[in-house]
N, C-alpha and C. Protein backbone atom coordinates (compact mmCIF):
# COMPACT_ATOMS: atom_id res chain seq x y z
N MET A 1 -14.30 -26.53 5.11
CA MET A 1 -14.61 -26.10 4.14
C MET A 1 -13.64 -25.19 3.10
N PRO A 2 -13.51 -25.51 2.38
CA PRO A 2 -11.97 -24.64 1.27
C PRO A 2 -12.45 -23.32 1.47
N ARG A 3 -11.14 -22.65 1.24
CA ARG A 3 -11.43 -21.08 1.55
C ARG A 3 -11.20 -20.76 -0.27
N ALA A 4 -12.33 -19.59 0.16
CA ALA A 4 -12.09 -18.17 -1.53
C ALA A 4 -10.75 -18.43 -2.16
N PRO A 5 -10.46 -18.48 -3.20
CA PRO A 5 -9.27 -18.12 -3.49
C PRO A 5 -8.94 -16.42 -3.32
N HIS A 6 -8.12 -15.85 -3.64
CA HIS A 6 -7.68 -14.02 -3.35
C HIS A 6 -7.49 -13.79 -4.58
N PRO A 7 -8.02 -12.91 -4.97
CA PRO A 7 -9.01 -12.10 -4.34
C PRO A 7 -10.51 -12.42 -4.66
N HIS A 8 -11.40 -12.12 -3.54
CA HIS A 8 -12.31 -12.44 -3.07
C HIS A 8 -13.27 -12.51 -4.57
N ARG A 9 -14.23 -13.17 -4.78
CA ARG A 9 -15.04 -12.65 -6.20
C ARG A 9 -16.35 -13.07 -5.44
N PRO A 10 -17.36 -12.20 -5.24
CA PRO A 10 -18.67 -12.67 -5.01
C PRO A 10 -19.75 -13.94 -5.80
N SER A 11 -20.25 -14.35 -4.96
CA SER A 11 -20.71 -15.55 -5.65
C SER A 11 -21.96 -15.60 -6.47
N ARG A 12 -22.66 -13.81 -6.40
CA ARG A 12 -23.41 -13.65 -7.06
C ARG A 12 -23.38 -11.92 -7.81
N PRO A 13 -23.72 -11.94 -9.28
CA PRO A 13 -22.95 -10.72 -9.52
C PRO A 13 -24.24 -9.43 -8.91
N ALA A 14 -23.77 -8.59 -9.48
CA ALA A 14 -24.29 -6.88 -8.94
C ALA A 14 -25.83 -7.25 -9.16
N GLY A 15 -26.84 -6.69 -8.08
CA GLY A 15 -27.86 -6.74 -9.02
C GLY A 15 -29.06 -7.85 -9.29
N ALA A 16 -28.26 -8.76 -8.57
CA ALA A 16 -28.85 -10.23 -8.92
C ALA A 16 -30.03 -10.18 -7.86
N THR A 17 -31.04 -10.89 -8.44
CA THR A 17 -32.35 -11.20 -7.78
C THR A 17 -32.65 -12.43 -7.16
N THR A 18 -33.15 -12.43 -6.07
CA THR A 18 -33.28 -13.63 -4.97
C THR A 18 -34.98 -13.88 -4.59
N ARG A 19 -35.09 -15.55 -5.17
CA ARG A 19 -36.18 -15.45 -4.19
C ARG A 19 -36.38 -16.07 -3.20
N ILE A 20 -37.00 -15.53 -2.11
CA ILE A 20 -37.38 -15.99 -0.81
C ILE A 20 -38.64 -16.59 -0.46
N THR A 21 -38.53 -17.78 -0.33
CA THR A 21 -39.84 -18.42 0.26
C THR A 21 -40.05 -18.48 1.43
N THR A 22 -41.17 -18.21 2.05
CA THR A 22 -41.56 -17.93 3.29
C THR A 22 -42.55 -18.67 3.98
N PRO A 23 -43.27 -19.11 5.11
CA PRO A 23 -44.12 -20.05 5.17
C PRO A 23 -45.69 -19.83 4.46
N TRP A 24 -45.43 -18.93 3.99
CA TRP A 24 -46.82 -18.26 3.24
C TRP A 24 -47.08 -18.34 1.71
N GLY A 25 -45.62 -18.77 1.34
CA GLY A 25 -45.63 -19.14 -0.14
C GLY A 25 -44.55 -18.12 -0.89
N GLU A 26 -44.65 -18.30 -1.85
CA GLU A 26 -43.33 -17.41 -2.66
C GLU A 26 -44.38 -16.77 -3.72
N THR A 27 -44.84 -15.34 -3.44
CA THR A 27 -45.45 -14.27 -4.47
C THR A 27 -44.27 -13.53 -4.87
N PRO A 28 -44.28 -13.67 -5.96
CA PRO A 28 -43.13 -13.01 -7.11
C PRO A 28 -43.46 -11.68 -6.92
N ASP A 29 -44.52 -10.93 -6.55
CA ASP A 29 -45.11 -9.50 -6.71
C ASP A 29 -44.60 -8.56 -5.20
N SER A 30 -44.63 -9.59 -4.50
CA SER A 30 -44.24 -9.15 -2.83
C SER A 30 -43.10 -8.90 -3.03
N GLU A 31 -42.70 -7.52 -2.19
CA GLU A 31 -41.39 -7.20 -2.21
C GLU A 31 -41.02 -7.53 -0.69
N ALA A 32 -41.65 -8.20 0.48
CA ALA A 32 -41.54 -9.19 1.20
C ALA A 32 -40.46 -10.78 0.36
N VAL A 33 -41.05 -11.23 -0.26
CA VAL A 33 -40.69 -12.38 -0.84
C VAL A 33 -39.58 -12.30 -1.85
N VAL A 34 -39.24 -11.13 -2.65
CA VAL A 34 -38.23 -11.01 -4.19
C VAL A 34 -37.40 -9.79 -3.34
N ALA A 35 -36.02 -10.36 -2.81
CA ALA A 35 -35.30 -9.31 -2.76
C ALA A 35 -34.04 -8.92 -3.64
N THR A 36 -33.40 -7.83 -3.67
CA THR A 36 -32.79 -7.62 -4.67
C THR A 36 -31.50 -7.39 -4.08
N THR A 37 -30.51 -8.43 -4.10
CA THR A 37 -29.12 -8.43 -3.62
C THR A 37 -28.15 -7.67 -4.23
N ARG A 38 -27.74 -6.49 -3.57
CA ARG A 38 -27.05 -5.69 -3.92
C ARG A 38 -25.44 -6.04 -3.50
N VAL A 39 -24.48 -6.27 -4.30
CA VAL A 39 -23.33 -6.79 -3.97
C VAL A 39 -22.37 -5.48 -4.63
N GLU A 40 -21.96 -4.88 -4.05
CA GLU A 40 -20.66 -3.84 -4.63
C GLU A 40 -19.06 -4.85 -4.82
N THR A 41 -19.05 -4.85 -6.28
CA THR A 41 -17.84 -5.82 -6.39
C THR A 41 -16.58 -4.89 -6.34
N MET A 42 -15.49 -5.04 -5.57
CA MET A 42 -14.62 -4.28 -5.87
C MET A 42 -13.81 -4.46 -6.91
N LEU A 43 -13.27 -3.23 -7.38
CA LEU A 43 -12.67 -2.77 -9.04
C LEU A 43 -11.24 -3.96 -8.64
N GLU A 44 -11.36 -4.65 -9.46
CA GLU A 44 -10.07 -5.44 -8.98
C GLU A 44 -8.68 -5.15 -10.40
N ARG A 45 -8.36 -3.91 -9.76
CA ARG A 45 -7.56 -3.36 -11.33
C ARG A 45 -6.16 -3.63 -10.70
N PRO A 46 -5.52 -3.68 -11.61
CA PRO A 46 -3.85 -4.32 -10.99
C PRO A 46 -3.36 -2.99 -10.68
N PHE A 47 -2.46 -3.48 -9.44
CA PHE A 47 -1.75 -2.41 -8.86
C PHE A 47 -0.64 -1.67 -10.11
N SER A 48 -0.66 -0.24 -10.30
CA SER A 48 -0.22 0.48 -11.07
C SER A 48 0.63 1.79 -9.96
N CYS A 49 1.87 1.94 -11.11
CA CYS A 49 2.86 3.02 -10.17
C CYS A 49 3.68 4.00 -11.16
N SER A 50 3.31 5.15 -11.19
CA SER A 50 4.27 5.95 -12.01
C SER A 50 4.81 6.94 -11.34
N TYR A 51 6.22 7.66 -12.15
CA TYR A 51 6.61 8.74 -11.05
C TYR A 51 6.81 9.96 -12.03
N ALA A 52 6.40 10.81 -11.58
CA ALA A 52 7.09 12.48 -12.68
C ALA A 52 6.91 13.19 -11.61
N ASP A 53 8.11 14.11 -11.56
CA ASP A 53 8.28 15.40 -11.28
C ASP A 53 8.06 15.51 -9.88
N GLY A 54 8.66 14.24 -8.64
CA GLY A 54 8.24 14.44 -7.59
C GLY A 54 7.12 13.91 -7.06
N VAL A 55 6.53 13.04 -7.79
CA VAL A 55 4.95 12.50 -7.70
C VAL A 55 4.91 11.38 -7.92
N LEU A 56 4.73 10.18 -7.21
CA LEU A 56 4.75 8.88 -7.24
C LEU A 56 3.20 8.67 -7.27
N THR A 57 2.71 8.05 -8.51
CA THR A 57 0.86 8.10 -8.48
C THR A 57 0.94 6.46 -8.77
N LEU A 58 -0.09 6.48 -7.55
CA LEU A 58 -0.31 4.98 -7.73
C LEU A 58 -1.80 4.64 -7.97
N GLY A 59 -2.47 3.82 -8.36
CA GLY A 59 -3.96 2.93 -8.80
C GLY A 59 -3.76 2.08 -9.01
N GLY A 60 -5.20 1.23 -8.85
CA GLY A 60 -5.60 0.08 -8.84
C GLY A 60 -5.69 -0.75 -7.43
N SER A 61 -4.85 -1.75 -6.77
CA SER A 61 -5.13 -2.30 -6.07
C SER A 61 -3.87 -2.68 -5.33
N VAL A 62 -3.77 -2.11 -4.37
CA VAL A 62 -2.37 -2.19 -3.16
C VAL A 62 -2.75 -3.56 -2.46
N ASP A 63 -2.58 -5.00 -2.72
CA ASP A 63 -2.86 -5.77 -2.02
C ASP A 63 -1.48 -6.37 -1.31
N GLU A 64 -1.51 -7.58 -0.94
CA GLU A 64 -0.45 -7.62 -0.12
C GLU A 64 0.45 -7.84 -1.22
N TYR A 65 0.43 -8.81 -2.81
CA TYR A 65 1.58 -8.66 -3.20
C TYR A 65 1.89 -7.53 -3.76
N ALA A 66 1.31 -6.45 -3.80
CA ALA A 66 1.94 -5.05 -4.16
C ALA A 66 2.87 -4.13 -3.31
N VAL A 67 2.81 -4.68 -2.34
CA VAL A 67 3.40 -4.00 -1.18
C VAL A 67 4.57 -3.82 -1.09
N ALA A 68 5.56 -4.88 -1.77
CA ALA A 68 6.76 -4.94 -1.95
C ALA A 68 6.65 -4.10 -3.00
N ALA A 69 6.45 -3.71 -4.20
CA ALA A 69 6.76 -2.56 -5.53
C ALA A 69 6.27 -1.44 -4.51
N LEU A 70 5.43 -1.05 -4.02
CA LEU A 70 5.18 -0.05 -3.34
C LEU A 70 6.39 0.74 -2.39
N ARG A 71 6.80 -0.40 -1.73
CA ARG A 71 7.83 0.13 -0.59
C ARG A 71 9.31 0.22 -1.27
N ALA A 72 9.60 -0.42 -2.50
CA ALA A 72 10.30 -0.17 -3.48
C ALA A 72 10.67 1.09 -3.95
N ALA A 73 9.26 1.63 -4.59
CA ALA A 73 8.99 2.65 -5.23
C ALA A 73 9.24 3.62 -4.54
N VAL A 74 9.01 3.97 -3.28
CA VAL A 74 8.92 5.23 -2.36
C VAL A 74 10.45 5.20 -2.11
N ARG A 75 11.05 3.99 -1.82
CA ARG A 75 12.53 4.04 -1.50
C ARG A 75 13.46 4.77 -2.69
N GLU A 76 13.23 4.30 -4.03
CA GLU A 76 13.90 4.23 -5.01
C GLU A 76 13.29 6.23 -5.32
N HIS A 77 12.19 6.45 -5.64
CA HIS A 77 11.77 7.77 -5.92
C HIS A 77 12.15 8.73 -4.77
N SER A 78 12.53 8.61 -3.78
CA SER A 78 12.91 9.64 -2.87
C SER A 78 13.96 9.44 -2.59
N GLU A 79 14.91 8.52 -2.96
CA GLU A 79 16.03 8.26 -3.19
C GLU A 79 16.76 7.87 -1.47
N GLU A 80 16.14 6.94 -1.20
CA GLU A 80 16.14 6.16 0.18
C GLU A 80 15.75 7.88 1.08
N TYR A 81 14.60 8.25 1.16
CA TYR A 81 14.04 8.98 1.69
C TYR A 81 15.00 10.48 2.15
N ARG A 82 15.73 10.80 1.33
CA ARG A 82 16.61 11.87 1.47
C ARG A 82 16.05 13.03 0.29
N ARG A 83 14.93 12.91 -0.66
CA ARG A 83 14.58 13.91 -1.59
C ARG A 83 13.15 13.50 -1.22
N PRO A 84 12.41 15.01 -1.27
CA PRO A 84 10.87 14.93 -1.26
C PRO A 84 10.23 14.39 -2.42
N LEU A 85 9.04 13.77 -1.88
CA LEU A 85 8.18 13.39 -2.80
C LEU A 85 6.46 12.93 -2.38
N ALA A 86 5.76 13.21 -3.19
CA ALA A 86 4.54 12.97 -2.89
C ALA A 86 3.91 11.58 -3.63
N VAL A 87 2.95 11.34 -2.99
CA VAL A 87 2.42 9.64 -3.29
C VAL A 87 0.83 9.95 -3.31
N GLU A 88 0.51 10.23 -4.51
CA GLU A 88 -1.15 10.37 -4.94
C GLU A 88 -1.49 9.12 -5.09
N LEU A 89 -2.47 9.08 -4.04
CA LEU A 89 -3.50 8.10 -3.74
C LEU A 89 -4.93 7.63 -4.20
N SER A 90 -5.36 9.04 -4.90
CA SER A 90 -6.56 9.13 -4.87
C SER A 90 -6.80 7.82 -5.74
N ASP A 91 -6.45 7.01 -7.18
CA ASP A 91 -6.98 6.56 -7.99
C ASP A 91 -6.92 4.94 -7.60
N VAL A 92 -6.46 4.84 -6.12
CA VAL A 92 -6.33 3.16 -5.15
C VAL A 92 -7.44 2.61 -5.11
N ASP A 93 -7.94 1.86 -5.50
CA ASP A 93 -9.12 0.56 -5.10
C ASP A 93 -9.44 0.33 -3.56
N PHE A 94 -8.02 -0.49 -3.77
CA PHE A 94 -8.02 -1.00 -2.26
C PHE A 94 -7.05 -0.70 -1.42
N LEU A 95 -6.72 -0.09 -0.07
CA LEU A 95 -5.73 0.15 0.46
C LEU A 95 -5.80 -0.76 1.65
N PRO A 96 -5.22 -1.68 2.14
CA PRO A 96 -5.42 -2.75 3.61
C PRO A 96 -4.30 -1.94 4.31
N SER A 97 -4.55 -2.47 5.70
CA SER A 97 -3.29 -2.10 6.75
C SER A 97 -2.14 -2.31 6.39
N VAL A 98 -1.35 -3.20 5.57
CA VAL A 98 -0.18 -3.36 5.71
C VAL A 98 0.74 -2.68 4.26
N ALA A 99 -0.18 -1.97 3.54
CA ALA A 99 0.00 -1.01 2.60
C ALA A 99 -0.26 0.55 3.45
N VAL A 100 -0.88 0.52 4.27
CA VAL A 100 -0.64 2.00 5.13
C VAL A 100 0.49 1.86 6.28
N GLY A 101 0.90 0.75 6.69
CA GLY A 101 1.83 0.41 7.68
C GLY A 101 3.20 0.77 6.69
N VAL A 102 3.12 0.61 5.56
CA VAL A 102 4.85 1.10 4.34
C VAL A 102 4.42 2.36 4.43
N LEU A 103 3.21 3.14 4.24
CA LEU A 103 3.28 4.69 4.07
C LEU A 103 3.84 5.00 5.56
N ALA A 104 3.13 4.79 6.26
CA ALA A 104 3.56 5.38 7.59
C ALA A 104 5.10 4.98 7.77
N THR A 105 5.35 3.97 7.70
CA THR A 105 6.90 3.96 7.93
C THR A 105 7.60 4.92 7.07
N GLY A 106 7.58 5.03 5.57
CA GLY A 106 7.97 5.52 4.80
C GLY A 106 8.02 7.52 5.04
N LEU A 107 6.42 7.53 6.16
CA LEU A 107 6.61 9.25 6.83
C LEU A 107 7.95 9.05 7.68
N ARG A 108 7.82 8.32 8.58
CA ARG A 108 8.49 8.12 9.75
C ARG A 108 10.03 8.08 9.53
N ASN A 109 10.43 7.47 8.09
CA ASN A 109 11.96 7.67 7.88
C ASN A 109 12.51 8.56 6.79
N ALA A 110 11.33 9.44 6.31
CA ALA A 110 11.21 10.78 5.70
C ALA A 110 11.74 11.65 6.76
N GLU A 111 10.39 11.72 7.79
CA GLU A 111 10.97 12.75 8.73
C GLU A 111 12.40 12.54 9.82
N GLU A 112 12.92 11.48 9.75
CA GLU A 112 14.13 11.03 10.50
C GLU A 112 15.43 11.55 9.25
N ASN A 113 14.82 11.90 8.04
CA ASN A 113 15.90 12.04 7.67
C ASN A 113 15.85 13.93 7.10
N GLY A 114 15.08 14.15 7.82
CA GLY A 114 14.94 15.53 7.49
C GLY A 114 14.37 16.23 6.06
N THR A 115 13.47 15.28 5.37
CA THR A 115 12.69 15.74 3.95
C THR A 115 11.05 15.28 4.48
N GLU A 116 10.75 15.40 3.09
CA GLU A 116 9.14 15.40 3.06
C GLU A 116 8.40 14.48 2.17
N LEU A 117 8.03 13.44 3.13
CA LEU A 117 7.20 12.84 2.31
C LEU A 117 5.53 13.30 2.53
N ALA A 118 4.87 13.43 1.32
CA ALA A 118 3.38 14.11 1.42
C ALA A 118 2.34 12.76 0.93
N LEU A 119 1.36 12.23 1.60
CA LEU A 119 0.48 11.58 1.38
C LEU A 119 -0.46 12.92 0.63
N VAL A 120 -1.08 12.14 -0.84
CA VAL A 120 -2.34 12.87 -1.07
C VAL A 120 -3.31 12.01 -1.59
N ALA A 121 -4.68 12.07 -1.14
CA ALA A 121 -5.98 11.68 -1.53
C ALA A 121 -7.30 12.61 -1.83
N ALA A 122 -7.75 12.93 -2.70
CA ALA A 122 -8.70 13.65 -2.75
C ALA A 122 -9.59 12.92 -2.35
N PRO A 123 -10.54 14.08 -1.66
CA PRO A 123 -11.89 13.89 -1.02
C PRO A 123 -13.17 12.59 -2.07
N GLY A 124 -13.11 11.92 -1.09
CA GLY A 124 -14.57 11.32 -1.80
C GLY A 124 -13.45 9.86 -2.12
N THR A 125 -12.44 9.73 -2.09
CA THR A 125 -11.84 8.68 -2.73
C THR A 125 -11.28 7.46 -1.60
N ILE A 126 -11.20 6.22 -1.90
CA ILE A 126 -11.05 5.40 -0.96
C ILE A 126 -9.63 5.42 0.16
N ALA A 127 -9.04 6.03 -0.47
CA ALA A 127 -7.44 6.47 0.28
C ALA A 127 -7.90 7.37 0.98
N HIS A 128 -8.51 8.22 0.85
CA HIS A 128 -9.12 9.53 1.99
C HIS A 128 -9.59 9.26 2.82
N ARG A 129 -10.78 7.82 2.63
CA ARG A 129 -11.49 7.40 3.91
C ARG A 129 -10.73 6.65 4.77
N VAL A 130 -9.35 6.28 4.07
CA VAL A 130 -8.58 5.26 4.85
C VAL A 130 -7.92 6.21 5.46
N LEU A 131 -7.35 7.01 5.33
CA LEU A 131 -5.88 8.17 5.93
C LEU A 131 -6.70 8.33 7.06
N VAL A 132 -8.21 9.33 6.61
CA VAL A 132 -9.05 9.90 7.68
C VAL A 132 -9.05 8.74 8.88
N ILE A 133 -9.61 7.70 8.90
CA ILE A 133 -9.83 6.83 9.64
C ILE A 133 -8.55 6.57 10.34
N THR A 134 -7.59 6.41 9.82
CA THR A 134 -6.16 6.15 10.35
C THR A 134 -5.62 7.14 11.13
N GLY A 135 -6.26 8.26 10.85
CA GLY A 135 -5.49 9.64 11.57
C GLY A 135 -3.88 9.89 10.46
N MET A 136 -3.62 9.45 9.70
CA MET A 136 -2.65 9.77 8.99
C MET A 136 -2.42 11.05 8.76
N PRO A 137 -1.22 12.00 8.46
CA PRO A 137 -1.43 13.16 8.00
C PRO A 137 -1.27 13.36 6.68
N PHE A 138 -2.03 14.02 5.40
CA PHE A 138 -2.11 13.78 4.58
C PHE A 138 -2.65 15.33 4.02
N LEU A 139 -2.55 15.51 2.42
CA LEU A 139 -3.20 16.73 1.39
C LEU A 139 -4.62 16.24 0.56
N GLU A 140 -5.00 16.92 0.32
CA GLU A 140 -5.88 16.81 -0.54
C GLU A 140 -5.31 17.12 -1.78
N THR A 141 -4.19 18.11 -2.21
CA THR A 141 -3.92 18.23 -3.52
C THR A 141 -2.41 17.92 -3.58
N VAL A 142 -1.79 17.72 -4.85
CA VAL A 142 -0.38 17.73 -4.78
C VAL A 142 0.23 18.69 -4.33
N PRO A 143 1.19 18.73 -3.49
CA PRO A 143 2.13 19.95 -2.96
C PRO A 143 3.35 20.25 -4.08
N ALA A 144 3.53 21.69 -4.07
CA ALA A 144 4.62 22.09 -4.72
C ALA A 144 6.01 21.37 -3.99
N LEU A 145 6.48 21.05 -4.84
CA LEU A 145 7.92 20.18 -4.07
C LEU A 145 9.09 20.55 -4.47
N ASP A 146 10.14 20.69 -3.74
CA ASP A 146 11.45 21.49 -4.32
C ASP A 146 12.25 20.25 -4.68
N THR A 147 12.33 19.44 -5.99
CA THR A 147 12.69 17.79 -5.59
C THR A 147 13.91 18.39 -6.23
N SER A 148 14.81 19.28 -6.27
CA SER A 148 16.08 19.59 -6.37
C SER A 148 16.93 19.64 -5.01
N ARG A 149 16.16 19.79 -3.92
CA ARG A 149 16.62 19.97 -2.70
C ARG A 149 16.84 17.99 -2.01
N ARG A 150 18.10 18.03 -1.29
CA ARG A 150 18.18 16.34 -0.71
C ARG A 150 18.38 17.16 0.89
N ALA A 151 18.50 15.93 1.15
CA ALA A 151 18.30 16.08 2.94
C ALA A 151 19.97 15.56 2.74
N PRO A 152 20.91 16.35 3.83
CA PRO A 152 22.45 15.71 3.53
C PRO A 152 22.29 14.20 3.87
N GLU A 153 23.95 13.90 3.07
CA GLU A 153 24.07 12.52 3.55
C GLU A 153 24.37 12.31 5.11
N THR A 154 24.15 11.02 5.75
CA THR A 154 24.49 10.65 7.26
C THR A 154 25.29 9.76 7.05
N ALA A 155 26.31 9.36 8.03
CA ALA A 155 27.60 8.44 8.02
C ALA A 155 27.14 7.31 8.66
């Protein structure tokens, strides 16, 4: 059986009506016979990334194709984990485990270098739910960071 192409697209639009025939026949007025299929379609916005004043703002779908860009952006804007950085995740539509792994590695690298990497996710967002479930440390609002401060160079 062929696999669905990535990203998955539902076979029915949201709110599509499906008629079900029972052994007793089809009765359009009966709730037992007509079922409304509610398919929540994932927003398929492309990955976006912008930086300003110590805050890296992510948006859209952080899928496996965007992970390399995420990793590079965190490294670049934290100057190889030597400058404080906040990663704002509130506008993210999709945050899979591979992206969470990149963020966890970033947290560890920042800590090892004596600087701060703050993950930010507003309540009610997908990123907030993912970070709560994974137990990763995060903030609900963007902190004030001293971006002029750098961790010392290591040999």
